[in-house]
Protein backbone atom coordinates (compact mmCIF):
# COMPACT_ATOMS: atom_id res chain seq x y z
CA MET A 1 28.75 0.34 44.45
CA SER A 2 31.08 -1.93 42.56
CA GLU A 3 31.83 -1.40 38.88
CA THR A 4 30.16 -4.74 38.17
CA HIS A 5 26.90 -3.68 39.80
CA ALA A 6 27.05 -0.23 38.21
CA ALA A 7 27.42 -1.77 34.78
CA ALA A 8 24.51 -4.11 35.46
CA ASP A 9 22.28 -1.19 36.45
CA ARG A 10 22.93 0.75 33.25
CA PRO A 11 20.37 0.28 30.42
CA PRO A 12 21.72 -1.73 27.49
CA MET A 13 23.26 0.35 24.73
CA SER A 14 21.35 0.48 21.45
CA GLN A 15 22.85 -1.76 18.83
CA PRO A 16 23.94 -0.19 15.52
CA SER A 17 21.11 -2.00 13.72
CA ASP A 18 18.57 -0.54 16.16
CA LEU A 19 19.91 2.96 15.61
CA ALA A 20 19.84 2.51 11.86
CA ALA A 21 16.25 1.25 12.00
CA LYS A 22 15.18 4.26 14.07
CA ARG A 23 16.98 6.61 11.68
CA ASP A 24 15.35 4.98 8.66
CA ALA A 25 11.91 5.19 10.26
CA ARG A 26 12.45 8.89 10.97
CA VAL A 27 13.60 9.52 7.39
CA LEU A 28 10.70 7.61 5.85
CA ASP A 29 8.14 9.27 8.11
CA ALA A 30 9.51 12.65 7.09
CA ALA A 31 9.73 11.74 3.42
CA THR A 32 6.15 10.46 3.36
CA GLU A 33 4.99 13.80 4.71
CA VAL A 34 7.06 15.81 2.23
CA PHE A 35 6.23 13.71 -0.84
CA SER A 36 2.54 13.93 0.06
CA ARG A 37 2.77 17.70 0.40
CA TYR A 38 4.92 18.56 -2.63
CA GLY A 39 4.97 15.52 -4.91
CA PHE A 40 8.11 13.82 -6.19
CA ALA A 41 9.39 16.48 -8.60
CA ARG A 42 9.28 19.42 -6.17
CA THR A 43 10.68 17.54 -3.19
CA THR A 44 14.39 17.91 -2.51
CA MET A 45 16.77 16.03 -0.27
CA GLN A 46 17.06 19.23 1.77
CA ASP A 47 13.27 19.22 2.32
CA ILE A 48 13.41 15.65 3.61
CA ALA A 49 16.44 16.32 5.81
CA GLU A 50 14.78 19.35 7.39
CA GLN A 51 11.54 17.47 8.01
CA ALA A 52 13.51 14.61 9.59
CA GLY A 53 15.51 17.00 11.77
CA MET A 54 18.87 15.98 10.38
CA SER A 55 21.59 17.39 8.14
CA ARG A 56 21.62 16.72 4.43
CA PRO A 57 25.03 14.94 4.64
CA ALA A 58 23.55 12.64 7.31
CA LEU A 59 20.61 11.91 5.03
CA TYR A 60 22.95 11.01 2.18
CA LEU A 61 24.68 8.52 4.46
CA ALA A 62 21.37 6.72 4.82
CA TYR A 63 20.03 7.05 1.26
CA ALA A 64 21.92 7.71 -1.94
CA ASN A 65 19.29 9.91 -3.56
CA LYS A 66 15.66 11.00 -3.64
CA ASP A 67 14.66 8.08 -5.87
CA SER A 68 15.83 5.53 -3.32
CA ILE A 69 13.89 7.29 -0.56
CA PHE A 70 10.75 7.45 -2.68
CA THR A 71 11.01 3.73 -3.45
CA ALA A 72 11.41 2.94 0.25
CA VAL A 73 8.42 5.13 1.15
CA VAL A 74 6.13 3.42 -1.37
CA ARG A 75 7.27 -0.07 -0.42
CA ARG A 76 6.78 0.58 3.29
CA MET A 77 3.36 2.14 2.73
CA ASN A 78 2.25 -0.81 0.61
CA ALA A 79 3.65 -3.46 2.97
CA ARG A 80 1.80 -1.92 5.90
CA GLN A 81 -1.43 -1.64 3.98
CA LEU A 82 -1.33 -5.19 2.63
CA ALA A 83 -0.54 -6.56 6.09
CA ALA A 84 -3.50 -4.68 7.55
CA ILE A 85 -5.79 -5.92 4.77
CA ARG A 86 -4.73 -9.54 5.20
CA ALA A 87 -5.28 -9.34 8.95
CA ALA A 88 -8.71 -7.74 8.53
CA ILE A 89 -10.06 -10.15 5.90
CA ALA A 90 -8.84 -13.34 7.59
CA PRO A 91 -11.92 -13.69 9.88
CA LEU A 92 -14.45 -12.52 7.28
CA PRO A 93 -16.90 -15.28 6.30
CA GLY A 94 -17.18 -15.15 2.52
CA LEU A 95 -15.48 -14.10 -0.70
CA ARG A 96 -17.75 -11.11 -1.28
CA ASP A 97 -16.90 -9.59 2.11
CA LYS A 98 -13.19 -10.33 1.71
CA LEU A 99 -13.02 -8.79 -1.75
CA LEU A 100 -15.04 -5.76 -0.74
CA HIS A 101 -12.87 -4.99 2.28
CA ALA A 102 -9.62 -5.56 0.37
CA CYS A 103 -10.64 -3.43 -2.60
CA LEU A 104 -12.15 -0.62 -0.56
CA SER A 105 -9.11 -0.44 1.73
CA TRP A 106 -6.56 -0.55 -1.09
CA GLY A 107 -8.46 1.35 -3.76
CA ALA A 108 -9.88 4.22 -1.75
CA HIS A 109 -6.72 4.91 0.24
CA GLY A 110 -5.07 6.83 -2.59
CA VAL A 111 -8.15 8.91 -3.34
CA ASP A 112 -8.49 9.93 0.30
CA LEU A 113 -4.84 10.95 0.49
CA ILE A 114 -4.98 12.86 -2.79
CA GLU A 115 -8.11 14.68 -1.65
CA ALA A 116 -6.18 15.91 1.38
CA HIS A 117 -2.91 16.49 -0.51
CA PRO A 118 -3.29 16.78 -4.32
CA ASP A 119 0.46 16.40 -4.91
CA ALA A 120 0.39 12.99 -3.19
CA ARG A 121 -0.73 11.67 -6.59
CA ASP A 122 2.90 10.78 -7.32
CA LEU A 123 2.76 8.10 -4.61
CA PHE A 124 0.32 6.20 -6.85
CA SER A 125 1.75 6.98 -10.29
CA LEU A 126 2.63 4.00 -12.45
CA ALA A 127 5.50 6.03 -13.87
CA PHE A 128 7.46 4.83 -10.83
CA PRO A 129 8.67 1.19 -10.68
CA ALA A 130 7.89 0.99 -6.94
CA VAL A 131 4.26 1.85 -7.65
CA GLN A 132 4.15 -0.82 -10.35
CA GLU A 133 5.34 -3.26 -7.69
CA MET A 134 2.51 -2.06 -5.44
CA TYR A 135 -0.06 -2.91 -8.11
CA ASP A 136 1.57 -6.30 -8.76
CA GLU A 137 1.47 -7.21 -5.07
CA PHE A 138 -2.19 -6.31 -4.73
CA GLN A 139 -2.94 -8.46 -7.76
CA VAL A 140 -1.25 -11.36 -5.97
CA LEU A 141 -3.53 -10.85 -2.96
CA LEU A 142 -6.66 -10.81 -5.16
CA THR A 143 -5.46 -13.83 -7.13
CA GLN A 144 -5.10 -15.78 -3.90
CA LEU A 145 -8.62 -14.83 -2.85
CA LEU A 146 -10.06 -15.73 -6.23
CA SER A 147 -8.14 -18.94 -6.90
CA GLU A 148 -10.68 -21.39 -5.45
CA PRO A 149 -13.96 -19.56 -6.13
CA ALA A 150 -13.01 -18.72 -9.72
CA THR A 151 -12.34 -22.35 -10.58
CA GLY A 152 -15.12 -23.50 -12.92
CA ALA A 153 -16.90 -20.15 -12.82
CA ALA A 154 -18.39 -18.88 -16.07
CA LEU A 155 -15.93 -16.03 -16.48
CA GLY A 156 -13.68 -17.40 -19.19
CA ALA A 157 -10.60 -16.11 -17.36
CA THR A 158 -8.03 -17.29 -14.86
CA PRO A 159 -7.99 -15.94 -11.29
CA ALA A 160 -4.87 -13.93 -12.16
CA GLU A 161 -6.60 -12.36 -15.14
CA VAL A 162 -9.65 -11.47 -13.06
CA ALA A 163 -7.40 -9.98 -10.38
CA ARG A 164 -5.60 -7.89 -12.98
CA ALA A 165 -8.88 -6.62 -14.42
CA MET A 166 -10.14 -5.65 -10.97
CA THR A 167 -6.91 -3.92 -9.99
CA TYR A 168 -6.65 -1.78 -13.10
CA ALA A 169 -10.37 -1.06 -13.16
CA MET A 170 -9.81 0.56 -9.78
CA ARG A 171 -6.98 2.54 -11.34
CA GLY A 172 -9.50 3.90 -13.81
CA PHE A 173 -11.98 4.63 -11.02
CA LYS A 174 -9.26 6.59 -9.22
CA ASP A 175 -8.71 8.78 -12.27
CA THR A 176 -12.42 9.47 -12.82
CA ALA A 177 -14.06 9.38 -9.37
CA THR A 178 -15.36 12.74 -8.20
CA ASP A 179 -14.38 12.09 -4.59
CA GLY A 180 -13.77 9.33 -2.05
CA SER A 181 -17.45 8.50 -1.74
CA ASP A 182 -17.79 8.08 -5.50
CA MET A 183 -14.70 5.88 -5.54
CA ARG A 184 -16.22 3.64 -2.88
CA ARG A 185 -19.49 3.34 -4.80
CA LEU A 186 -17.65 2.29 -7.96
CA ILE A 187 -15.56 -0.28 -6.10
CA THR A 188 -18.62 -1.68 -4.33
CA LEU A 189 -20.41 -2.05 -7.67
CA GLN A 190 -17.43 -3.83 -9.23
CA VAL A 191 -17.12 -6.29 -6.35
CA SER A 192 -20.87 -6.93 -6.33
CA LEU A 193 -20.91 -7.72 -10.06
CA LEU A 194 -17.93 -10.05 -9.80
CA ALA A 195 -19.17 -11.80 -6.67
CA THR A 196 -22.58 -12.38 -8.28
CA ALA A 197 -20.91 -13.90 -11.35
CA LEU A 198 -18.76 -16.16 -9.19
CA GLU A 199 -21.83 -17.41 -7.32
CA HIS A 200 -23.11 -19.08 -10.49
CA THR A 201 -21.72 -22.18 -12.16
CA PRO A 202 -21.28 -22.49 -15.93
CA ASP A 203 -24.63 -24.30 -16.24
CA GLY A 204 -26.45 -21.33 -14.73
CA THR A 205 -27.14 -22.74 -11.28
CA THR A 206 -26.23 -20.93 -8.08
CA ARG A 207 -23.09 -22.03 -6.27
């Protein structure tokens, strides 16, 4: 076999960017597991390195510190969840169904994870800037859903204000709900009340 044919038969070598992406995915998968199990404060870079099956020096080549890994974990988790929500609500017929699915998916996720791993609470703590970003991005999604229906509704608030109220009401539900089922009941009630209000015009007639 000629060298030309031998080279053609070999699988293409992974590009540096591909290797880096695979490494980052392995690190973030491992870090998600460790942060969920131990929380932010008790997790160390050594814990993440061991879970990822790599040396601590190799981990430091990828991420400067634990804070940067935590930020990447939260951003990836939120991006995946928002993408899944947007895909799921796109074919739904009305605002009530869209809001209910979005709020249940986003709001109950944290409670379910914390029920399984109590120290995962840090992944949803507003003490971290990345979590604040997560709340801001969900508000954007709700604002987009509410923009047309909320126009002219007798709420005395802008779509952005309504979205903010809904988002942080769910934060309160998360702190007080007894379990995931209770959280879902509270979210369903909130969405039902809002949707009913939005179905009526300022003069009291039904939209």
